[in-house]
Amino acid sequence: MTLAVLCSGQGLQHPQMFSLTGNAPAAEAVFAHATKKLGQRDPRELVQTEPLQVLHSNRVAQILCASQALSAAAALRHVWPKRILLAGYSVGEISAWGVAELFDSTTTLDLVALRAELMDAASSPGDGLLFVRGMSRTSVDNLCRRYSTAVAIVNPNDGFVLGGSGEVLDILAVDAMRMGAPYVTRLAVNVASHTVRLAAASSAFQVALEHTPVKPNANSRVRLFSGIDGTAVLDTAAGKKKLSEQISHTVEWAACLQGCLEAGASAFLELGPGFALSNMLASTYPNIPSRSLDDFRTIQGVASWVTRFGF
């Protein structure tokens, strides 16, 4: 049996997101460096004291989500099966490189912070993301052309994240509902991630990645998937190029999940925050177990769930 571990993107940060990992000794180094990246604000305290507006600001959000994935991996690595599959949603893809131990946790958080800074610098005020479900890809593409927006992420079951100017996305949302889309909502993200609007951020991040070494003792038992095409990362230089391109190119998340299944995934564990990816899996592949860290009350409960499958 093979476990697929999924690293979540931003948008579902919440005050209790570190309740399982906050006291894990193995995760202390992650929180220590995240504290430095957040201006000496401990992420475990920040999520409980700051308003949601702060938690959803782009740089803070990306650091928090990466800290969640890295702290969870540190606390659970002792029960990882012999072989795992890894994929990351949006900023979660960088977290996945860290979970795979291609980057250490310090480097991962440094890259996440830089990525967010570059995205903010390339963004226009008011940019954002819109989720649309229940329309065909052709209809969505036509809407994007009409309103000068772009498909940022392709999810299973005709779920699409669109990126562009916030004002334009609000108008597009009304049009999509008139066309029969059963579910349309703005996401708590304030940049047009994974669209050409962030091309400058992609180019700058590629330069940074080229100067970032990959750990030579990376875990060979891990298969990592690339977000923009759902293929396995077999060459780290090519993988880093795709990782930078992901900032301004469509994330093919449905293809990532399909790649995991074709590689033998028999259960999925989302590291969070939130349930977005595990719920997506439950509705798309109801016969395959899928859980999120947020489903559990203790990290020991997560470890027991992983080990009881006999991985």
Protein backbone atom coordinates (compact mmCIF):
# COMPACT_ATOMS: atom_id res chain seq x y z
CA MET A 1 0.00 0.00 0.00
CA THR A 2 1.17 3.54 -0.77
CA LEU A 3 0.41 6.74 1.09
CA ALA A 4 0.02 10.01 -0.83
CA VAL A 5 0.77 13.10 1.27
CA LEU A 6 -0.75 16.38 0.11
CA CYS A 7 0.52 19.82 1.15
CA SER A 8 -2.27 22.39 1.24
CA GLY A 9 -2.33 25.85 -0.24
CA GLN A 10 -3.36 29.07 1.45
CA GLY A 11 -6.87 30.29 2.19
CA LEU A 12 -7.96 28.16 5.15
CA GLN A 13 -5.64 29.39 7.90
CA HIS A 14 -7.34 29.31 11.31
CA PRO A 15 -6.50 29.90 14.98
CA GLN A 16 -6.16 26.20 15.84
CA MET A 17 -4.10 25.15 12.83
CA PHE A 18 -1.06 24.24 14.95
CA SER A 19 -2.96 22.50 17.74
CA LEU A 20 -1.59 19.06 16.76
CA THR A 21 1.99 20.02 15.96
CA GLY A 22 2.64 23.05 18.14
CA ASN A 23 4.12 21.04 21.01
CA ALA A 24 5.88 18.38 18.93
CA PRO A 25 9.62 18.45 19.82
CA ALA A 26 10.56 17.37 16.30
CA ALA A 27 8.84 20.47 14.88
CA GLU A 28 10.51 23.04 17.11
CA ALA A 29 13.13 24.00 14.53
CA VAL A 30 10.39 24.70 12.00
CA PHE A 31 8.57 27.06 14.34
CA ALA A 32 11.81 28.75 15.39
CA HIS A 33 12.70 29.70 11.82
CA ALA A 34 9.11 30.61 10.93
CA THR A 35 9.20 32.99 13.89
CA LYS A 36 12.21 34.74 12.35
CA LYS A 37 10.49 34.99 8.95
CA LEU A 38 7.41 36.50 10.63
CA GLY A 39 9.31 39.31 12.34
CA GLN A 40 9.82 37.43 15.62
CA ARG A 41 6.12 36.52 15.85
CA ASP A 42 5.70 32.86 16.75
CA PRO A 43 3.24 31.39 14.22
CA ARG A 44 1.59 29.34 16.98
CA GLU A 45 0.71 32.54 18.82
CA LEU A 46 0.12 34.67 15.73
CA VAL A 47 -2.75 32.52 14.46
CA GLN A 48 -4.52 32.83 17.81
CA THR A 49 -4.07 36.56 18.33
CA GLU A 50 -4.15 38.23 14.91
CA PRO A 51 -7.35 38.89 12.91
CA LEU A 52 -8.11 36.79 9.84
CA GLN A 53 -7.14 39.72 7.64
CA VAL A 54 -3.55 39.31 8.83
CA LEU A 55 -3.64 35.51 8.52
CA HIS A 56 -4.77 35.86 4.90
CA SER A 57 -2.20 38.47 3.86
CA ASN A 58 -0.13 36.81 1.18
CA ARG A 59 3.31 36.56 2.81
CA VAL A 60 2.00 35.61 6.25
CA ALA A 61 -0.41 33.08 4.73
CA GLN A 62 2.25 31.32 2.70
CA ILE A 63 4.65 31.08 5.65
CA LEU A 64 1.89 29.75 7.91
CA CYS A 65 0.84 27.09 5.42
CA ALA A 66 4.41 25.95 4.82
CA SER A 67 4.98 25.84 8.58
CA GLN A 68 1.94 23.62 8.93
CA ALA A 69 3.17 21.12 6.36
CA LEU A 70 6.77 21.08 7.60
CA SER A 71 5.82 20.76 11.27
CA ALA A 72 3.39 17.94 10.49
CA ALA A 73 6.02 16.09 8.46
CA ALA A 74 8.58 16.51 11.24
CA ALA A 75 6.13 15.10 13.79
CA LEU A 76 5.05 12.19 11.57
CA ARG A 77 8.24 11.25 9.74
CA HIS A 78 8.90 8.38 12.16
CA VAL A 79 5.73 6.63 10.96
CA TRP A 80 6.08 7.40 7.24
CA PRO A 81 5.75 4.21 5.20
CA LYS A 82 8.61 2.85 3.12
CA ARG A 83 7.30 4.73 0.10
CA ILE A 84 5.22 7.89 -0.12
CA LEU A 85 3.91 10.08 -2.89
CA LEU A 86 3.97 13.86 -2.48
CA ALA A 87 2.09 16.67 -4.17
CA GLY A 88 1.51 20.28 -3.17
CA TYR A 89 -1.31 22.67 -4.02
CA SER A 90 -0.01 26.14 -4.97
CA VAL A 91 2.47 27.22 -2.24
CA GLY A 92 2.08 23.69 -0.93
CA GLU A 93 4.29 22.52 -3.78
CA ILE A 94 7.30 24.21 -2.19
CA SER A 95 6.28 22.66 1.12
CA ALA A 96 6.23 19.30 -0.65
CA TRP A 97 9.87 19.76 -1.68
CA GLY A 98 10.63 20.35 1.98
CA VAL A 99 8.62 17.34 3.13
CA ALA A 100 10.51 15.31 0.52
CA GLU A 101 13.73 16.59 2.15
CA LEU A 102 15.00 18.04 -1.12
CA PHE A 103 15.21 21.32 0.81
CA ASP A 104 15.68 21.49 4.56
CA SER A 105 13.00 23.28 6.55
CA THR A 106 15.00 26.51 6.85
CA THR A 107 15.58 26.72 3.11
CA THR A 108 11.95 25.85 2.41
CA LEU A 109 10.65 28.66 4.61
CA ASP A 110 13.17 31.10 3.12
CA LEU A 111 11.96 30.21 -0.38
CA VAL A 112 8.31 30.48 0.62
CA ALA A 113 8.87 33.95 2.09
CA LEU A 114 10.78 35.06 -1.02
CA ARG A 115 8.10 33.65 -3.31
CA ALA A 116 5.41 35.62 -1.49
CA GLU A 117 7.48 38.82 -1.60
CA LEU A 118 8.06 38.45 -5.34
CA MET A 119 4.38 37.75 -5.95
CA ASP A 120 3.35 40.80 -3.94
CA ALA A 121 5.81 42.97 -5.85
CA ALA A 122 4.44 41.75 -9.20
CA SER A 123 0.78 42.01 -8.21
CA SER A 124 -1.65 44.85 -8.81
CA PRO A 125 -3.80 46.09 -5.91
CA GLY A 126 -7.11 44.27 -5.71
CA ASP A 127 -6.02 41.14 -7.59
CA GLY A 128 -7.46 37.85 -6.39
CA LEU A 129 -8.89 34.42 -7.11
CA LEU A 130 -12.39 33.12 -7.81
CA PHE A 131 -13.59 29.51 -7.56
CA VAL A 132 -16.14 28.25 -10.08
CA ARG A 133 -17.64 24.76 -10.12
CA GLY A 134 -19.96 23.06 -12.57
CA MET A 135 -19.05 24.65 -15.89
CA SER A 136 -17.21 23.04 -18.78
CA ARG A 137 -13.60 24.00 -19.47
CA THR A 138 -14.70 25.53 -22.77
CA SER A 139 -17.24 27.76 -21.04
CA VAL A 140 -14.71 28.78 -18.41
CA ASP A 141 -12.10 29.59 -21.04
CA ASN A 142 -14.65 31.72 -22.91
CA LEU A 143 -15.43 33.64 -19.73
CA CYS A 144 -11.73 34.19 -19.08
CA ARG A 145 -11.21 35.57 -22.59
CA ARG A 146 -14.25 37.85 -22.20
CA TYR A 147 -13.04 39.30 -18.92
CA SER A 148 -9.23 39.15 -19.38
CA THR A 149 -8.78 36.67 -16.56
CA ALA A 150 -7.11 33.25 -16.56
CA VAL A 151 -7.53 29.71 -15.25
CA ALA A 152 -5.18 29.47 -12.29
CA ILE A 153 -5.93 25.95 -11.05
CA VAL A 154 -7.78 22.99 -12.57
CA ASN A 155 -9.43 20.81 -9.92
CA PRO A 156 -11.37 17.57 -10.42
CA ASN A 157 -15.09 17.53 -11.22
CA ASP A 158 -15.14 20.74 -13.24
CA GLY A 159 -13.72 22.87 -10.45
CA PHE A 160 -11.68 25.87 -11.58
CA VAL A 161 -9.84 28.67 -9.80
CA LEU A 162 -9.66 31.85 -11.87
CA GLY A 163 -7.23 34.71 -11.33
CA GLY A 164 -7.36 38.37 -12.23
CA SER A 165 -8.50 41.77 -11.08
CA GLY A 166 -10.83 41.47 -8.12
CA GLU A 167 -13.38 43.89 -9.58
CA VAL A 168 -13.45 41.96 -12.85
CA LEU A 169 -13.73 38.63 -11.03
CA ASP A 170 -16.81 39.89 -9.21
CA ILE A 171 -18.45 40.76 -12.52
CA LEU A 172 -17.40 37.41 -14.00
CA ALA A 173 -18.92 35.64 -10.98
CA VAL A 174 -22.34 37.13 -11.70
CA ASP A 175 -22.07 36.06 -15.34
CA ALA A 176 -21.03 32.53 -14.36
CA MET A 177 -24.05 32.16 -12.07
CA ARG A 178 -26.34 33.43 -14.84
CA MET A 179 -24.84 30.72 -17.06
CA GLY A 180 -25.80 28.06 -14.51
CA ALA A 181 -22.66 27.55 -12.44
CA PRO A 182 -23.98 25.97 -9.21
CA TYR A 183 -21.14 27.23 -7.01
CA VAL A 184 -19.12 30.42 -7.33
CA THR A 185 -17.11 32.09 -4.55
CA ARG A 186 -14.17 34.45 -4.03
CA LEU A 187 -11.18 32.91 -2.27
CA ALA A 188 -9.28 34.46 0.63
CA VAL A 189 -6.19 35.10 -1.50
CA ASN A 190 -5.17 38.61 -2.56
CA VAL A 191 -2.93 37.86 -5.55
CA ALA A 192 -3.73 36.41 -8.98
CA SER A 193 -1.61 33.31 -8.41
CA HIS A 194 -0.73 31.02 -11.31
CA THR A 195 -1.56 33.55 -14.03
CA VAL A 196 0.58 35.50 -16.47
CA ARG A 197 0.09 38.58 -14.28
CA LEU A 198 2.88 37.15 -12.12
CA ALA A 199 5.37 36.41 -14.91
CA ALA A 200 7.96 38.74 -13.37
CA ALA A 201 7.75 36.85 -10.08
CA SER A 202 8.32 33.55 -11.90
CA SER A 203 11.47 34.84 -13.57
CA ALA A 204 12.93 36.21 -10.33
CA PHE A 205 12.08 33.07 -8.39
CA GLN A 206 13.74 30.90 -11.02
CA VAL A 207 17.00 32.78 -10.46
CA ALA A 208 16.74 32.18 -6.72
CA LEU A 209 16.01 28.47 -7.21
CA GLU A 210 18.99 28.07 -9.53
CA HIS A 211 21.20 29.20 -6.65
CA THR A 212 19.47 26.97 -4.10
CA PRO A 213 21.16 23.59 -3.71
CA VAL A 214 19.13 20.43 -3.33
CA LYS A 215 20.08 18.22 -0.40
CA PRO A 216 22.25 15.35 -1.63
CA ASN A 217 20.75 12.91 0.85
CA ALA A 218 17.18 13.47 -0.33
CA ASN A 219 14.78 10.62 0.45
CA SER A 220 14.81 8.26 -2.52
CA ARG A 221 11.64 6.56 -1.29
CA VAL A 222 9.58 9.65 -2.12
CA ARG A 223 7.99 10.37 -5.47
CA LEU A 224 7.23 14.07 -5.90
CA PHE A 225 4.80 15.47 -8.48
CA SER A 226 5.02 18.75 -10.36
CA GLY A 227 2.05 21.10 -10.14
CA ILE A 228 1.93 22.45 -13.67
CA ASP A 229 1.68 19.08 -15.42
CA GLY A 230 1.17 16.36 -12.79
CA THR A 231 4.31 14.46 -13.77
CA ALA A 232 6.88 13.01 -11.39
CA VAL A 233 9.95 15.12 -10.62
CA LEU A 234 12.77 12.88 -11.83
CA ASP A 235 15.31 15.63 -12.47
CA THR A 236 15.62 18.31 -9.82
CA ALA A 237 16.91 21.00 -12.20
CA ALA A 238 13.87 20.55 -14.45
CA GLY A 239 11.68 20.29 -11.37
CA LYS A 240 12.94 23.62 -10.02
CA LYS A 241 12.21 25.29 -13.37
CA LYS A 242 8.63 24.04 -13.20
CA LEU A 243 8.42 25.17 -9.57
CA SER A 244 9.22 28.72 -10.64
CA GLU A 245 6.93 28.58 -13.68
CA GLN A 246 4.07 27.45 -11.42
CA ILE A 247 3.76 30.99 -10.05
CA SER A 248 2.52 32.25 -13.42
CA HIS A 249 1.16 29.07 -15.06
CA THR A 250 -1.95 27.01 -14.48
CA VAL A 251 -1.70 24.38 -11.75
CA GLU A 252 -3.08 21.10 -13.06
CA TRP A 253 -4.16 19.73 -9.69
CA ALA A 254 -6.52 17.14 -11.16
CA ALA A 255 -3.54 15.74 -13.09
CA CYS A 256 -1.47 15.63 -9.87
CA LEU A 257 -4.12 13.55 -8.14
CA GLN A 258 -4.40 11.28 -11.16
CA GLY A 259 -0.62 10.89 -11.15
CA CYS A 260 -0.74 9.81 -7.52
CA LEU A 261 -3.41 7.24 -8.28
CA GLU A 262 -1.51 5.86 -11.25
CA ALA A 263 1.57 5.57 -9.01
CA GLY A 264 -0.42 3.35 -6.65
CA ALA A 265 -1.84 5.70 -3.99
CA SER A 266 -4.12 3.72 -1.69
CA ALA A 267 -4.79 6.51 0.86
CA PHE A 268 -4.34 10.28 1.03
CA LEU A 269 -3.31 12.45 3.95
CA GLU A 270 -3.68 16.22 3.69
CA LEU A 271 -1.35 18.15 5.99
CA GLY A 272 -3.61 21.21 6.10
CA PRO A 273 -4.65 23.73 7.17
CA GLY A 274 -8.25 22.89 6.39
CA PHE A 275 -10.03 20.08 4.59
CA ALA A 276 -10.13 21.41 1.02
CA LEU A 277 -7.97 18.72 -0.58
CA SER A 278 -9.26 15.77 1.44
CA ASN A 279 -12.88 16.81 0.79
CA MET A 280 -12.07 17.14 -2.90
CA LEU A 281 -10.70 13.61 -2.90
CA ALA A 282 -13.64 12.21 -0.95
CA SER A 283 -16.07 13.53 -3.55
CA THR A 284 -13.92 12.52 -6.54
CA TYR A 285 -12.60 9.15 -5.37
CA PRO A 286 -15.01 8.03 -2.61
CA ASN A 287 -13.54 4.53 -2.38
CA ILE A 288 -10.05 5.75 -1.43
CA PRO A 289 -9.48 6.82 2.20
CA SER A 290 -8.61 10.50 2.52
CA ARG A 291 -8.13 12.47 5.73
CA SER A 292 -6.79 15.83 6.78
CA LEU A 293 -4.73 16.64 9.85
CA ASP A 294 -7.66 18.80 10.92
CA ASP A 295 -9.82 15.65 11.19
CA PHE A 296 -7.81 14.50 14.22
CA ARG A 297 -7.57 15.61 17.83
CA THR A 298 -3.94 14.57 18.40
CA ILE A 299 -0.82 13.94 16.34
CA GLN A 300 -0.79 10.45 17.84
CA GLY A 301 -4.19 9.90 16.26
CA VAL A 302 -2.78 10.82 12.86
CA ALA A 303 0.15 8.45 13.37
CA SER A 304 -2.23 5.64 14.34
CA TRP A 305 -4.33 6.23 11.23
CA VAL A 306 -1.22 6.04 9.03
CA THR A 307 0.16 2.90 10.63
CA ARG A 308 -3.12 0.98 10.82
CA PHE A 309 -3.18 0.76 7.04
CA GLY A 310 -0.08 -1.40 7.24
CA PHE A 311 1.97 0.82 4.96
